[in-house]
Amino acid sequence: MSFESKNLRSFPRLTVRATRVAALALLGLAGFPATGHAIDLTADLTPDTTRYLSDPSFLPLEGQIYSETVYSHTDQHQVLEIIGGPTQARFAASGDHYSQTFDYGISDRFSILGSATYSDTKNTASFQFGPPSSESTHEFENPTFAATYRALEQIESPVSLDVRASYSPATSNNLSQSGQVALFVNRETKFLTIQGEFGATYIDSYTGNQAEDHNGYWNYFAGMRTQMRLTDSFAINSGVIYSQNTDISERGFLTYHDKFDGNWSPYAALVYSVVPNHVDVSFEYDRDFIGDDRRDGVLEFTGNHENLYAIHLRLLF
């Protein structure tokens, strides 16, 4: 399953991808041809426990191995201002990211997951005073290990219920380890899946490259994901995630305190099943609206937004 509960990025501080809903019109879908005939919404909205490969609620069955390979490109922009004053700097970042996830079904209700990401990122900054600067980084991000348990199946209740816990150990001294717990409530039919998501992530304290100390903090998130299965071959995934960081402080050569607004992230993806429930590919677009960051009531990082373009390849063995 896609580990999209939105991964942390640093620009120029840790922020979380977040979203506004990608609204996809249902108008006209009743006449969309599916396997040679129009969709019967009455029948297609009855409960369905089929585990569709690209579905947000997908969980591998016992002995199955799920693989997801993702390439994504991101571009992010941010402005630094004196509160009530002029712009001091403009920041931009672009990156290419490659990730691999494997999820193994221990039983029909329990799976374990591991994922890793490599990023190639370029950061640029232009200042009101002083020359512009740029920096490129090439690094493996912290790996993630997770376990998911399906506490309720939809055959025994109106919804299915998943609980997930994950841990990302720090791979170097200047990175932060983190842990996450999340709850997923799923309603699945032949035509449509709706998933609600709630959770919290703790990002541990760490010491940065310049020997500055960053405190630990919590990020809380909630969202909704959907999949509309238009035919046996095509589906549309969409959703929205809202997240809110607690305040962050840094102590070093300079000491400061950051207060964040909430973040929204809408996304939409077109899914094509090459081999139904065994091989599929999807093309995704995210638009992240990153809340303003006010630093010590004097400086403000504003106008934060990020675009993400991704290709997913999913395999089930």
C-alpha atoms as a PDB file:
ATOM      1  CA  MET A   1       0.000   0.000   0.000  1.00  0.00           C
ATOM      2  CA  SER A   2       1.208   3.483  -0.724  1.00  0.00           C
ATOM      3  CA  PHE A   3       2.790   4.949   2.376  1.00  0.00           C
ATOM      4  CA  GLU A   4       1.394   8.362   1.626  1.00  0.00           C
ATOM      5  CA  SER A   5       0.468   9.619   5.022  1.00  0.00           C
ATOM      6  CA  LYS A   6       2.457  12.359   4.171  1.00  0.00           C
ATOM      7  CA  ASN A   7       6.212  12.034   4.506  1.00  0.00           C
ATOM      8  CA  LEU A   8       8.249  14.787   6.166  1.00  0.00           C
ATOM      9  CA  ARG A   9      10.508  17.015   4.107  1.00  0.00           C
ATOM     10  CA  SER A  10      12.985  19.735   5.115  1.00  0.00           C
ATOM     11  CA  PHE A  11      12.724  23.118   3.351  1.00  0.00           C
ATOM     12  CA  PRO A  12      14.214  25.011   5.003  1.00  0.00           C
ATOM     13  CA  ARG A  13      12.643  23.420   8.110  1.00  0.00           C
ATOM     14  CA  LEU A  14      10.754  20.169   8.528  1.00  0.00           C
ATOM     15  CA  THR A  15       7.242  20.559   7.126  1.00  0.00           C
ATOM     16  CA  VAL A  16       4.507  18.080   6.267  1.00  0.00           C
ATOM     17  CA  ARG A  17       2.750  17.699   2.981  1.00  0.00           C
ATOM     18  CA  ALA A  18      -0.898  18.572   3.340  1.00  0.00           C
ATOM     19  CA  THR A  19      -3.950  18.990   1.044  1.00  0.00           C
ATOM     20  CA  ARG A  20      -7.264  20.371  -0.031  1.00  0.00           C
ATOM     21  CA  VAL A  21      -9.622  17.905  -1.597  1.00  0.00           C
ATOM     22  CA  ALA A  22      -9.339  17.159  -5.332  1.00  0.00           C
ATOM     23  CA  ALA A  23     -13.038  17.178  -6.157  1.00  0.00           C
ATOM     24  CA  LEU A  24     -13.826  14.793  -8.999  1.00  0.00           C
ATOM     25  CA  ALA A  25     -17.305  15.089 -10.526  1.00  0.00           C
ATOM     26  CA  LEU A  26     -19.489  12.027 -10.456  1.00  0.00           C
ATOM     27  CA  LEU A  27     -21.732  13.504 -13.152  1.00  0.00           C
ATOM     28  CA  GLY A  28     -21.930  11.200 -16.102  1.00  0.00           C
ATOM     29  CA  LEU A  29     -20.271   8.212 -14.424  1.00  0.00           C
ATOM     30  CA  ALA A  30     -23.531   6.300 -14.374  1.00  0.00           C
ATOM     31  CA  GLY A  31     -23.262   6.057 -18.146  1.00  0.00           C
ATOM     32  CA  PHE A  32     -19.543   5.187 -18.205  1.00  0.00           C
ATOM     33  CA  PRO A  33     -19.008   1.797 -19.871  1.00  0.00           C
ATOM     34  CA  ALA A  34     -17.718  -0.837 -17.472  1.00  0.00           C
ATOM     35  CA  THR A  35     -17.040  -4.286 -18.889  1.00  0.00           C
ATOM     36  CA  GLY A  36     -19.341  -3.480 -21.786  1.00  0.00           C
ATOM     37  CA  HIS A  37     -22.333  -2.018 -19.922  1.00  0.00           C
ATOM     38  CA  ALA A  38     -23.302   1.021 -17.888  1.00  0.00           C
ATOM     39  CA  ILE A  39     -22.462   1.046 -14.184  1.00  0.00           C
ATOM     40  CA  ASP A  40     -25.390  -0.021 -12.006  1.00  0.00           C
ATOM     41  CA  LEU A  41     -24.830   2.228  -8.974  1.00  0.00           C
ATOM     42  CA  THR A  42     -27.417   0.338  -6.910  1.00  0.00           C
ATOM     43  CA  ALA A  43     -25.448  -2.889  -7.255  1.00  0.00           C
ATOM     44  CA  ASP A  44     -22.001  -1.294  -7.297  1.00  0.00           C
ATOM     45  CA  LEU A  45     -22.503   0.511  -3.969  1.00  0.00           C
ATOM     46  CA  THR A  46     -23.203  -2.682  -2.020  1.00  0.00           C
ATOM     47  CA  PRO A  47     -20.418  -3.773   0.391  1.00  0.00           C
ATOM     48  CA  ASP A  48     -17.438  -5.453  -1.284  1.00  0.00           C
ATOM     49  CA  THR A  49     -14.433  -7.069   0.410  1.00  0.00           C
ATOM     50  CA  THR A  50     -12.305  -7.465  -2.743  1.00  0.00           C
ATOM     51  CA  ARG A  51      -8.785  -6.162  -2.131  1.00  0.00           C
ATOM     52  CA  TYR A  52      -8.089  -3.995  -5.159  1.00  0.00           C
ATOM     53  CA  LEU A  53      -4.364  -3.448  -5.662  1.00  0.00           C
ATOM     54  CA  SER A  54      -4.392   0.359  -5.984  1.00  0.00           C
ATOM     55  CA  ASP A  55      -7.156   0.893  -3.423  1.00  0.00           C
ATOM     56  CA  PRO A  56      -6.306   3.085  -0.389  1.00  0.00           C
ATOM     57  CA  SER A  57      -7.521   0.282   1.915  1.00  0.00           C
ATOM     58  CA  PHE A  58      -5.478  -2.475   0.206  1.00  0.00           C
ATOM     59  CA  LEU A  59      -3.853  -5.039   2.518  1.00  0.00           C
ATOM     60  CA  PRO A  60      -1.989  -8.129   1.205  1.00  0.00           C
ATOM     61  CA  LEU A  61      -3.396 -11.536   2.067  1.00  0.00           C
ATOM     62  CA  GLU A  62      -1.370 -14.177   3.881  1.00  0.00           C
ATOM     63  CA  GLY A  63       1.779 -15.034   1.916  1.00  0.00           C
ATOM     64  CA  GLN A  64       1.360 -12.229  -0.622  1.00  0.00           C
ATOM     65  CA  ILE A  65       4.137  -9.709  -1.326  1.00  0.00           C
ATOM     66  CA  TYR A  66       3.156  -6.197  -2.384  1.00  0.00           C
ATOM     67  CA  SER A  67       5.749  -4.033  -4.134  1.00  0.00           C
ATOM     68  CA  GLU A  68       5.433  -0.325  -4.944  1.00  0.00           C
ATOM     69  CA  THR A  69       8.095   1.605  -6.867  1.00  0.00           C
ATOM     70  CA  VAL A  70       7.654   5.385  -7.079  1.00  0.00           C
ATOM     71  CA  TYR A  71       9.438   8.138  -8.974  1.00  0.00           C
ATOM     72  CA  SER A  72       8.406  11.671  -8.044  1.00  0.00           C
ATOM     73  CA  HIS A  73       9.508  15.180  -8.906  1.00  0.00           C
ATOM     74  CA  THR A  74       8.838  18.078  -6.545  1.00  0.00           C
ATOM     75  CA  ASP A  75       9.198  21.824  -6.747  1.00  0.00           C
ATOM     76  CA  GLN A  76       8.663  24.066  -3.739  1.00  0.00           C
ATOM     77  CA  HIS A  77       8.673  27.839  -3.212  1.00  0.00           C
ATOM     78  CA  GLN A  78       8.826  29.983  -0.097  1.00  0.00           C
ATOM     79  CA  VAL A  79       9.277  33.662   0.820  1.00  0.00           C
ATOM     80  CA  LEU A  80      10.967  35.098   3.937  1.00  0.00           C
ATOM     81  CA  GLU A  81       9.591  38.419   5.154  1.00  0.00           C
ATOM     82  CA  ILE A  82       9.925  40.690   8.141  1.00  0.00           C
ATOM     83  CA  ILE A  83       6.416  40.731   9.622  1.00  0.00           C
ATOM     84  CA  GLY A  84       4.854  43.950   8.405  1.00  0.00           C
ATOM     85  CA  GLY A  85       7.996  44.736   6.390  1.00  0.00           C
ATOM     86  CA  PRO A  86       9.755  43.923   3.128  1.00  0.00           C
ATOM     87  CA  THR A  87      10.694  40.579   1.600  1.00  0.00           C
ATOM     88  CA  GLN A  88      14.135  39.437   2.738  1.00  0.00           C
ATOM     89  CA  ALA A  89      14.651  36.286   0.676  1.00  0.00           C
ATOM     90  CA  ARG A  90      13.031  33.869  -1.750  1.00  0.00           C
ATOM     91  CA  PHE A  91      13.703  30.137  -1.561  1.00  0.00           C
ATOM     92  CA  ALA A  92      13.096  27.409  -4.110  1.00  0.00           C
ATOM     93  CA  ALA A  93      13.775  23.690  -4.080  1.00  0.00           C
ATOM     94  CA  SER A  94      13.382  21.019  -6.743  1.00  0.00           C
ATOM     95  CA  GLY A  95      14.057  17.350  -6.332  1.00  0.00           C
ATOM     96  CA  ASP A  96      13.821  13.898  -7.809  1.00  0.00           C
ATOM     97  CA  HIS A  97      12.855  11.130  -5.411  1.00  0.00           C
ATOM     98  CA  TYR A  98      12.981   7.344  -5.863  1.00  0.00           C
ATOM     99  CA  SER A  99      11.287   5.072  -3.336  1.00  0.00           C
ATOM    100  CA  GLN A 100      10.689   1.360  -2.928  1.00  0.00           C
ATOM    101  CA  THR A 101       8.184  -0.296  -0.607  1.00  0.00           C
ATOM    102  CA  PHE A 102       7.572  -3.962   0.189  1.00  0.00           C
ATOM    103  CA  ASP A 103       4.591  -5.164   2.245  1.00  0.00           C
ATOM    104  CA  TYR A 104       4.245  -8.839   3.261  1.00  0.00           C
ATOM    105  CA  GLY A 105       1.055 -10.508   4.481  1.00  0.00           C
ATOM    106  CA  ILE A 106       1.750 -12.453   7.685  1.00  0.00           C
ATOM    107  CA  SER A 107      -1.945 -13.322   7.766  1.00  0.00           C
ATOM    108  CA  ASP A 108      -5.060 -12.071   6.004  1.00  0.00           C
ATOM    109  CA  ARG A 109      -5.318  -9.344   8.662  1.00  0.00           C
ATOM    110  CA  PHE A 110      -1.705  -8.516   9.523  1.00  0.00           C
ATOM    111  CA  SER A 111       1.164  -7.280   7.361  1.00  0.00           C
ATOM    112  CA  ILE A 112       4.674  -5.856   7.818  1.00  0.00           C
ATOM    113  CA  LEU A 113       6.180  -3.186   5.603  1.00  0.00           C
ATOM    114  CA  GLY A 114       9.571  -1.697   4.803  1.00  0.00           C
ATOM    115  CA  SER A 115      10.378   1.268   2.562  1.00  0.00           C
ATOM    116  CA  ALA A 116      13.384   3.372   1.543  1.00  0.00           C
ATOM    117  CA  THR A 117      13.783   6.620  -0.434  1.00  0.00           C
ATOM    118  CA  TYR A 118      16.695   8.245  -2.271  1.00  0.00           C
ATOM    119  CA  SER A 119      16.489  11.976  -3.046  1.00  0.00           C
ATOM    120  CA  ASP A 120      18.439  14.264  -5.351  1.00  0.00           C
ATOM    121  CA  THR A 121      17.556  17.844  -4.364  1.00  0.00           C
ATOM    122  CA  LYS A 122      18.692  21.343  -5.324  1.00  0.00           C
ATOM    123  CA  ASN A 123      17.976  24.319  -3.033  1.00  0.00           C
ATOM    124  CA  THR A 124      18.372  27.914  -4.223  1.00  0.00           C
ATOM    125  CA  ALA A 125      17.976  31.223  -2.393  1.00  0.00           C
ATOM    126  CA  SER A 126      17.987  34.862  -3.514  1.00  0.00           C
ATOM    127  CA  PHE A 127      18.433  37.587  -0.891  1.00  0.00           C
ATOM    128  CA  GLN A 128      17.503  41.248  -0.728  1.00  0.00           C
ATOM    129  CA  PHE A 129      21.058  41.893   0.496  1.00  0.00           C
ATOM    130  CA  GLY A 130      23.904  39.654  -0.627  1.00  0.00           C
ATOM    131  CA  PRO A 131      24.522  37.250  -3.494  1.00  0.00           C
ATOM    132  CA  PRO A 132      22.235  34.295  -4.309  1.00  0.00           C
ATOM    133  CA  SER A 133      23.232  30.821  -3.166  1.00  0.00           C
ATOM    134  CA  SER A 134      22.497  27.237  -4.158  1.00  0.00           C
ATOM    135  CA  GLU A 135      23.140  23.816  -2.677  1.00  0.00           C
ATOM    136  CA  SER A 136      22.595  20.297  -3.963  1.00  0.00           C
ATOM    137  CA  THR A 137      22.107  17.210  -1.797  1.00  0.00           C
ATOM    138  CA  HIS A 138      22.075  13.530  -2.727  1.00  0.00           C
ATOM    139  CA  GLU A 139      21.026  11.249   0.098  1.00  0.00           C
ATOM    140  CA  PHE A 140      19.070   8.271   1.322  1.00  0.00           C
ATOM    141  CA  GLU A 141      16.277   9.362   3.621  1.00  0.00           C
ATOM    142  CA  ASN A 142      15.457   7.505   6.822  1.00  0.00           C
ATOM    143  CA  PRO A 143      13.952   4.064   6.082  1.00  0.00           C
ATOM    144  CA  THR A 144      10.498   3.233   7.420  1.00  0.00           C
ATOM    145  CA  PHE A 145       9.281   0.001   9.023  1.00  0.00           C
ATOM    146  CA  ALA A 146       5.587  -0.512   9.726  1.00  0.00           C
ATOM    147  CA  ALA A 147       2.984  -3.041  10.794  1.00  0.00           C
ATOM    148  CA  THR A 148      -0.724  -2.923   9.899  1.00  0.00           C
ATOM    149  CA  TYR A 149      -3.494  -4.884  11.625  1.00  0.00           C
ATOM    150  CA  ARG A 150      -7.061  -5.123  10.312  1.00  0.00           C
ATOM    151  CA  ALA A 151      -9.047  -5.040  13.534  1.00  0.00           C
ATOM    152  CA  LEU A 152     -12.425  -5.268  11.754  1.00  0.00           C
ATOM    153  CA  GLU A 153     -13.405  -6.775   8.417  1.00  0.00           C
ATOM    154  CA  GLN A 154     -16.301  -5.258   6.519  1.00  0.00           C
ATOM    155  CA  ILE A 155     -18.088  -8.623   6.428  1.00  0.00           C
ATOM    156  CA  GLU A 156     -18.573  -8.358  10.217  1.00  0.00           C
ATOM    157  CA  SER A 157     -19.307  -4.608  10.456  1.00  0.00           C
ATOM    158  CA  PRO A 158     -20.376  -1.689   8.212  1.00  0.00           C
ATOM    159  CA  VAL A 159     -16.702  -0.687   7.781  1.00  0.00           C
ATOM    160  CA  SER A 160     -13.255  -2.206   7.964  1.00  0.00           C
ATOM    161  CA  LEU A 161     -10.823  -0.796  10.511  1.00  0.00           C
ATOM    162  CA  ASP A 162      -7.007  -0.777  10.204  1.00  0.00           C
ATOM    163  CA  VAL A 163      -4.421   0.218  12.817  1.00  0.00           C
ATOM    164  CA  ARG A 164      -0.858   1.008  11.752  1.00  0.00           C
ATOM    165  CA  ALA A 165       2.313   1.756  13.687  1.00  0.00           C
ATOM    166  CA  SER A 166       5.557   2.782  12.008  1.00  0.00           C
ATOM    167  CA  TYR A 167       9.112   3.701  12.976  1.00  0.00           C
ATOM    168  CA  SER A 168      11.807   5.539  10.994  1.00  0.00           C
ATOM    169  CA  PRO A 169      15.256   5.237  12.598  1.00  0.00           C
ATOM    170  CA  ALA A 170      17.795   8.021  12.040  1.00  0.00           C
ATOM    171  CA  THR A 171      20.497   6.898   9.603  1.00  0.00           C
ATOM    172  CA  SER A 172      22.946   9.628  10.668  1.00  0.00           C
ATOM    173  CA  ASN A 173      23.563  11.803  13.721  1.00  0.00           C
ATOM    174  CA  ASN A 174      22.168  14.948  12.100  1.00  0.00           C
ATOM    175  CA  LEU A 175      18.797  13.395  11.219  1.00  0.00           C
ATOM    176  CA  SER A 176      15.781  12.809  13.426  1.00  0.00           C
ATOM    177  CA  GLN A 177      14.137   9.484  14.145  1.00  0.00           C
ATOM    178  CA  SER A 178      10.346   9.442  14.123  1.00  0.00           C
ATOM    179  CA  GLY A 179       7.388   7.249  14.947  1.00  0.00           C
ATOM    180  CA  GLN A 180       3.757   7.266  13.860  1.00  0.00           C
ATOM    181  CA  VAL A 181       0.414   5.715  14.818  1.00  0.00           C
ATOM    182  CA  ALA A 182      -2.587   5.910  12.496  1.00  0.00           C
ATOM    183  CA  LEU A 183      -6.166   4.641  12.311  1.00  0.00           C
ATOM    184  CA  PHE A 184      -7.961   3.983   8.996  1.00  0.00           C
ATOM    185  CA  VAL A 185     -11.732   3.544   8.644  1.00  0.00           C
ATOM    186  CA  ASN A 186     -12.747   2.064   5.266  1.00  0.00           C
ATOM    187  CA  ARG A 187     -16.068   1.665   3.470  1.00  0.00           C
ATOM    188  CA  GLU A 188     -15.592  -0.480   0.346  1.00  0.00           C
ATOM    189  CA  THR A 189     -18.022  -1.153  -2.493  1.00  0.00           C
ATOM    190  CA  LYS A 190     -17.523  -2.526  -5.993  1.00  0.00           C
ATOM    191  CA  PHE A 191     -17.517   0.983  -7.466  1.00  0.00           C
ATOM    192  CA  LEU A 192     -16.207   3.203  -4.644  1.00  0.00           C
ATOM    193  CA  THR A 193     -13.923   3.110  -1.597  1.00  0.00           C
ATOM    194  CA  ILE A 194     -13.931   5.873   1.010  1.00  0.00           C
ATOM    195  CA  GLN A 195     -11.221   5.890   3.668  1.00  0.00           C
ATOM    196  CA  GLY A 196     -10.911   8.160   6.696  1.00  0.00           C
ATOM    197  CA  GLU A 197      -7.454   8.587   8.225  1.00  0.00           C
ATOM    198  CA  PHE A 198      -6.434   9.917  11.652  1.00  0.00           C
ATOM    199  CA  GLY A 199      -3.058   9.850  13.350  1.00  0.00           C
ATOM    200  CA  ALA A 200      -0.063  11.437  14.990  1.00  0.00           C
ATOM    201  CA  THR A 201       3.664  11.499  14.253  1.00  0.00           C
ATOM    202  CA  TYR A 202       6.412  12.246  16.778  1.00  0.00           C
ATOM    203  CA  ILE A 203       9.631  13.702  15.361  1.00  0.00           C
ATOM    204  CA  ASP A 204      12.419  13.241  17.894  1.00  0.00           C
ATOM    205  CA  SER A 205      14.974  15.871  18.905  1.00  0.00           C
ATOM    206  CA  TYR A 206      18.273  15.897  17.033  1.00  0.00           C
ATOM    207  CA  THR A 207      21.463  17.889  16.456  1.00  0.00           C
ATOM    208  CA  GLY A 208      21.889  19.448  13.016  1.00  0.00           C
ATOM    209  CA  ASN A 209      24.896  19.920  10.757  1.00  0.00           C
ATOM    210  CA  GLN A 210      25.876  23.201  12.461  1.00  0.00           C
ATOM    211  CA  ALA A 211      25.711  21.671  15.970  1.00  0.00           C
ATOM    212  CA  GLU A 212      22.325  23.308  16.594  1.00  0.00           C
ATOM    213  CA  ASP A 213      19.821  21.454  18.789  1.00  0.00           C
ATOM    214  CA  HIS A 214      16.282  20.902  17.469  1.00  0.00           C
ATOM    215  CA  ASN A 215      13.551  19.977  19.943  1.00  0.00           C
ATOM    216  CA  GLY A 216      11.176  17.064  19.434  1.00  0.00           C
ATOM    217  CA  TYR A 217       7.592  17.812  18.363  1.00  0.00           C
ATOM    218  CA  TRP A 218       4.293  16.244  17.314  1.00  0.00           C
ATOM    219  CA  ASN A 219       2.463  16.408  14.013  1.00  0.00           C
ATOM    220  CA  TYR A 220      -1.250  15.541  13.963  1.00  0.00           C
ATOM    221  CA  PHE A 221      -3.107  14.697  10.763  1.00  0.00           C
ATOM    222  CA  ALA A 222      -6.538  13.731   9.456  1.00  0.00           C
ATOM    223  CA  GLY A 223      -7.807  13.154   5.965  1.00  0.00           C
ATOM    224  CA  MET A 224      -9.910  11.268   3.471  1.00  0.00           C
ATOM    225  CA  ARG A 225      -8.946   9.133   0.471  1.00  0.00           C
ATOM    226  CA  THR A 226     -11.194   7.678  -2.220  1.00  0.00           C
ATOM    227  CA  GLN A 227     -11.022   5.398  -5.223  1.00  0.00           C
ATOM    228  CA  MET A 228     -13.631   5.314  -8.009  1.00  0.00           C
ATOM    229  CA  ARG A 229     -13.329   2.153 -10.132  1.00  0.00           C
ATOM    230  CA  LEU A 230     -14.624   3.218 -13.532  1.00  0.00           C
ATOM    231  CA  THR A 231     -13.901  -0.027 -15.408  1.00  0.00           C
ATOM    232  CA  ASP A 232     -11.873  -3.196 -14.806  1.00  0.00           C
ATOM    233  CA  SER A 233      -8.840  -1.289 -16.119  1.00  0.00           C
ATOM    234  CA  PHE A 234      -9.249   2.340 -14.988  1.00  0.00           C
ATOM    235  CA  ALA A 235      -9.759   4.028 -11.624  1.00  0.00           C
ATOM    236  CA  ILE A 236      -9.384   7.492 -10.146  1.00  0.00           C
ATOM    237  CA  ASN A 237      -7.818   8.002  -6.714  1.00  0.00           C
ATOM    238  CA  SER A 238      -8.177  11.306  -4.886  1.00  0.00           C
ATOM    239  CA  GLY A 239      -8.024  12.689  -1.385  1.00  0.00           C
ATOM    240  CA  VAL A 240      -7.155  15.399   1.090  1.00  0.00           C
ATOM    241  CA  ILE A 241      -4.881  15.460   4.154  1.00  0.00           C
ATOM    242  CA  TYR A 242      -4.746  18.181   6.804  1.00  0.00           C
ATOM    243  CA  SER A 243      -1.806  18.285   9.214  1.00  0.00           C
ATOM    244  CA  GLN A 244      -0.724  20.542  12.053  1.00  0.00           C
ATOM    245  CA  ASN A 245       2.739  20.749  13.604  1.00  0.00           C
ATOM    246  CA  THR A 246       3.267  21.732  17.200  1.00  0.00           C
ATOM    247  CA  ASP A 247       5.796  24.512  17.733  1.00  0.00           C
ATOM    248  CA  ILE A 248       9.495  23.936  16.972  1.00  0.00           C
ATOM    249  CA  SER A 249      12.567  25.550  18.514  1.00  0.00           C
ATOM    250  CA  GLU A 250      16.261  25.492  17.621  1.00  0.00           C
ATOM    251  CA  ARG A 251      19.159  26.329  19.904  1.00  0.00           C
ATOM    252  CA  GLY A 252      22.614  26.980  18.507  1.00  0.00           C
ATOM    253  CA  PHE A 253      24.555  29.997  17.244  1.00  0.00           C
ATOM    254  CA  LEU A 254      21.070  31.506  16.887  1.00  0.00           C
ATOM    255  CA  THR A 255      18.100  30.461  18.988  1.00  0.00           C
ATOM    256  CA  TYR A 256      14.597  30.781  17.589  1.00  0.00           C
ATOM    257  CA  HIS A 257      11.058  29.482  17.983  1.00  0.00           C
ATOM    258  CA  ASP A 258       8.717  28.621  15.096  1.00  0.00           C
ATOM    259  CA  LYS A 259       4.903  28.595  15.164  1.00  0.00           C
ATOM    260  CA  PHE A 260       3.109  26.942  12.233  1.00  0.00           C
ATOM    261  CA  ASP A 261      -0.253  27.222  10.541  1.00  0.00           C
ATOM    262  CA  GLY A 262      -1.930  24.040   9.335  1.00  0.00           C
ATOM    263  CA  ASN A 263      -1.070  22.413   5.997  1.00  0.00           C
ATOM    264  CA  TRP A 264      -3.455  21.169   3.292  1.00  0.00           C
ATOM    265  CA  SER A 265      -2.621  18.746   0.501  1.00  0.00           C
ATOM    266  CA  PRO A 266      -5.036  17.669  -2.269  1.00  0.00           C
ATOM    267  CA  TYR A 267      -4.046  14.916  -4.672  1.00  0.00           C
ATOM    268  CA  ALA A 268      -5.512  13.014  -7.599  1.00  0.00           C
ATOM    269  CA  ALA A 269      -4.247  10.029  -9.593  1.00  0.00           C
ATOM    270  CA  LEU A 270      -5.295   8.090 -12.679  1.00  0.00           C
ATOM    271  CA  VAL A 271      -4.777   4.340 -12.245  1.00  0.00           C
ATOM    272  CA  TYR A 272      -4.438   1.811 -15.061  1.00  0.00           C
ATOM    273  CA  SER A 273      -4.504  -1.925 -14.288  1.00  0.00           C
ATOM    274  CA  VAL A 274      -2.096  -3.696 -16.628  1.00  0.00           C
ATOM    275  CA  VAL A 275      -2.983  -7.065 -15.070  1.00  0.00           C
ATOM    276  CA  PRO A 276      -5.998  -6.595 -12.757  1.00  0.00           C
ATOM    277  CA  ASN A 277      -5.039  -7.040  -9.076  1.00  0.00           C
ATOM    278  CA  HIS A 278      -1.454  -8.008 -10.020  1.00  0.00           C
ATOM    279  CA  VAL A 279       0.157  -5.116 -11.936  1.00  0.00           C
ATOM    280  CA  ASP A 280      -0.936  -1.496 -12.175  1.00  0.00           C
ATOM    281  CA  VAL A 281       0.542   1.919 -12.835  1.00  0.00           C
ATOM    282  CA  SER A 282      -0.734   5.324 -11.734  1.00  0.00           C
ATOM    283  CA  PHE A 283       0.041   8.960 -12.499  1.00  0.00           C
ATOM    284  CA  GLU A 284      -0.370  11.315  -9.538  1.00  0.00           C
ATOM    285  CA  TYR A 285      -0.435  15.072  -8.961  1.00  0.00           C
ATOM    286  CA  ASP A 286      -0.305  16.747  -5.525  1.00  0.00           C
ATOM    287  CA  ARG A 287      -0.604  20.423  -4.723  1.00  0.00           C
ATOM    288  CA  ASP A 288       0.547  21.171  -1.186  1.00  0.00           C
ATOM    289  CA  PHE A 289      -0.497  24.365   0.580  1.00  0.00           C
ATOM    290  CA  ILE A 290       2.027  24.700   3.401  1.00  0.00           C
ATOM    291  CA  GLY A 291       0.972  26.944   6.285  1.00  0.00           C
ATOM    292  CA  ASP A 292       2.907  30.063   7.197  1.00  0.00           C
ATOM    293  CA  ASP A 293       5.786  29.736   9.673  1.00  0.00           C
ATOM    294  CA  ARG A 294       6.209  32.655  12.101  1.00  0.00           C
ATOM    295  CA  ARG A 295       9.625  32.879  13.729  1.00  0.00           C
ATOM    296  CA  ASP A 296       9.872  34.680  17.090  1.00  0.00           C
ATOM    297  CA  GLY A 297       7.083  37.057  16.035  1.00  0.00           C
ATOM    298  CA  VAL A 298       9.566  38.903  13.806  1.00  0.00           C
ATOM    299  CA  LEU A 299      10.125  36.826  10.658  1.00  0.00           C
ATOM    300  CA  GLU A 300       7.577  34.927   8.583  1.00  0.00           C
ATOM    301  CA  PHE A 301       7.995  32.221   5.945  1.00  0.00           C
ATOM    302  CA  THR A 302       4.967  32.671   3.714  1.00  0.00           C
ATOM    303  CA  GLY A 303       3.610  31.764   0.281  1.00  0.00           C
ATOM    304  CA  ASN A 304       4.733  28.174   0.865  1.00  0.00           C
ATOM    305  CA  HIS A 305       3.530  25.702  -1.741  1.00  0.00           C
ATOM    306  CA  GLU A 306       4.776  22.567  -3.437  1.00  0.00           C
ATOM    307  CA  ASN A 307       3.856  20.629  -6.575  1.00  0.00           C
ATOM    308  CA  LEU A 308       4.479  16.900  -6.799  1.00  0.00           C
ATOM    309  CA  TYR A 309       4.305  14.736  -9.938  1.00  0.00           C
ATOM    310  CA  ALA A 310       4.645  10.989  -9.440  1.00  0.00           C
ATOM    311  CA  ILE A 311       4.521   7.653 -11.251  1.00  0.00           C
ATOM    312  CA  HIS A 312       3.662   4.545  -9.203  1.00  0.00           C
ATOM    313  CA  LEU A 313       4.259   0.951 -10.269  1.00  0.00           C
ATOM    314  CA  ARG A 314       2.520  -1.657  -8.084  1.00  0.00           C
ATOM    315  CA  LEU A 315       3.072  -5.413  -8.216  1.00  0.00           C
ATOM    316  CA  LEU A 316       1.488  -8.219  -6.233  1.00  0.00           C
ATOM    317  CA  PHE A 317       3.215 -11.602  -5.993  1.00  0.00           C
END
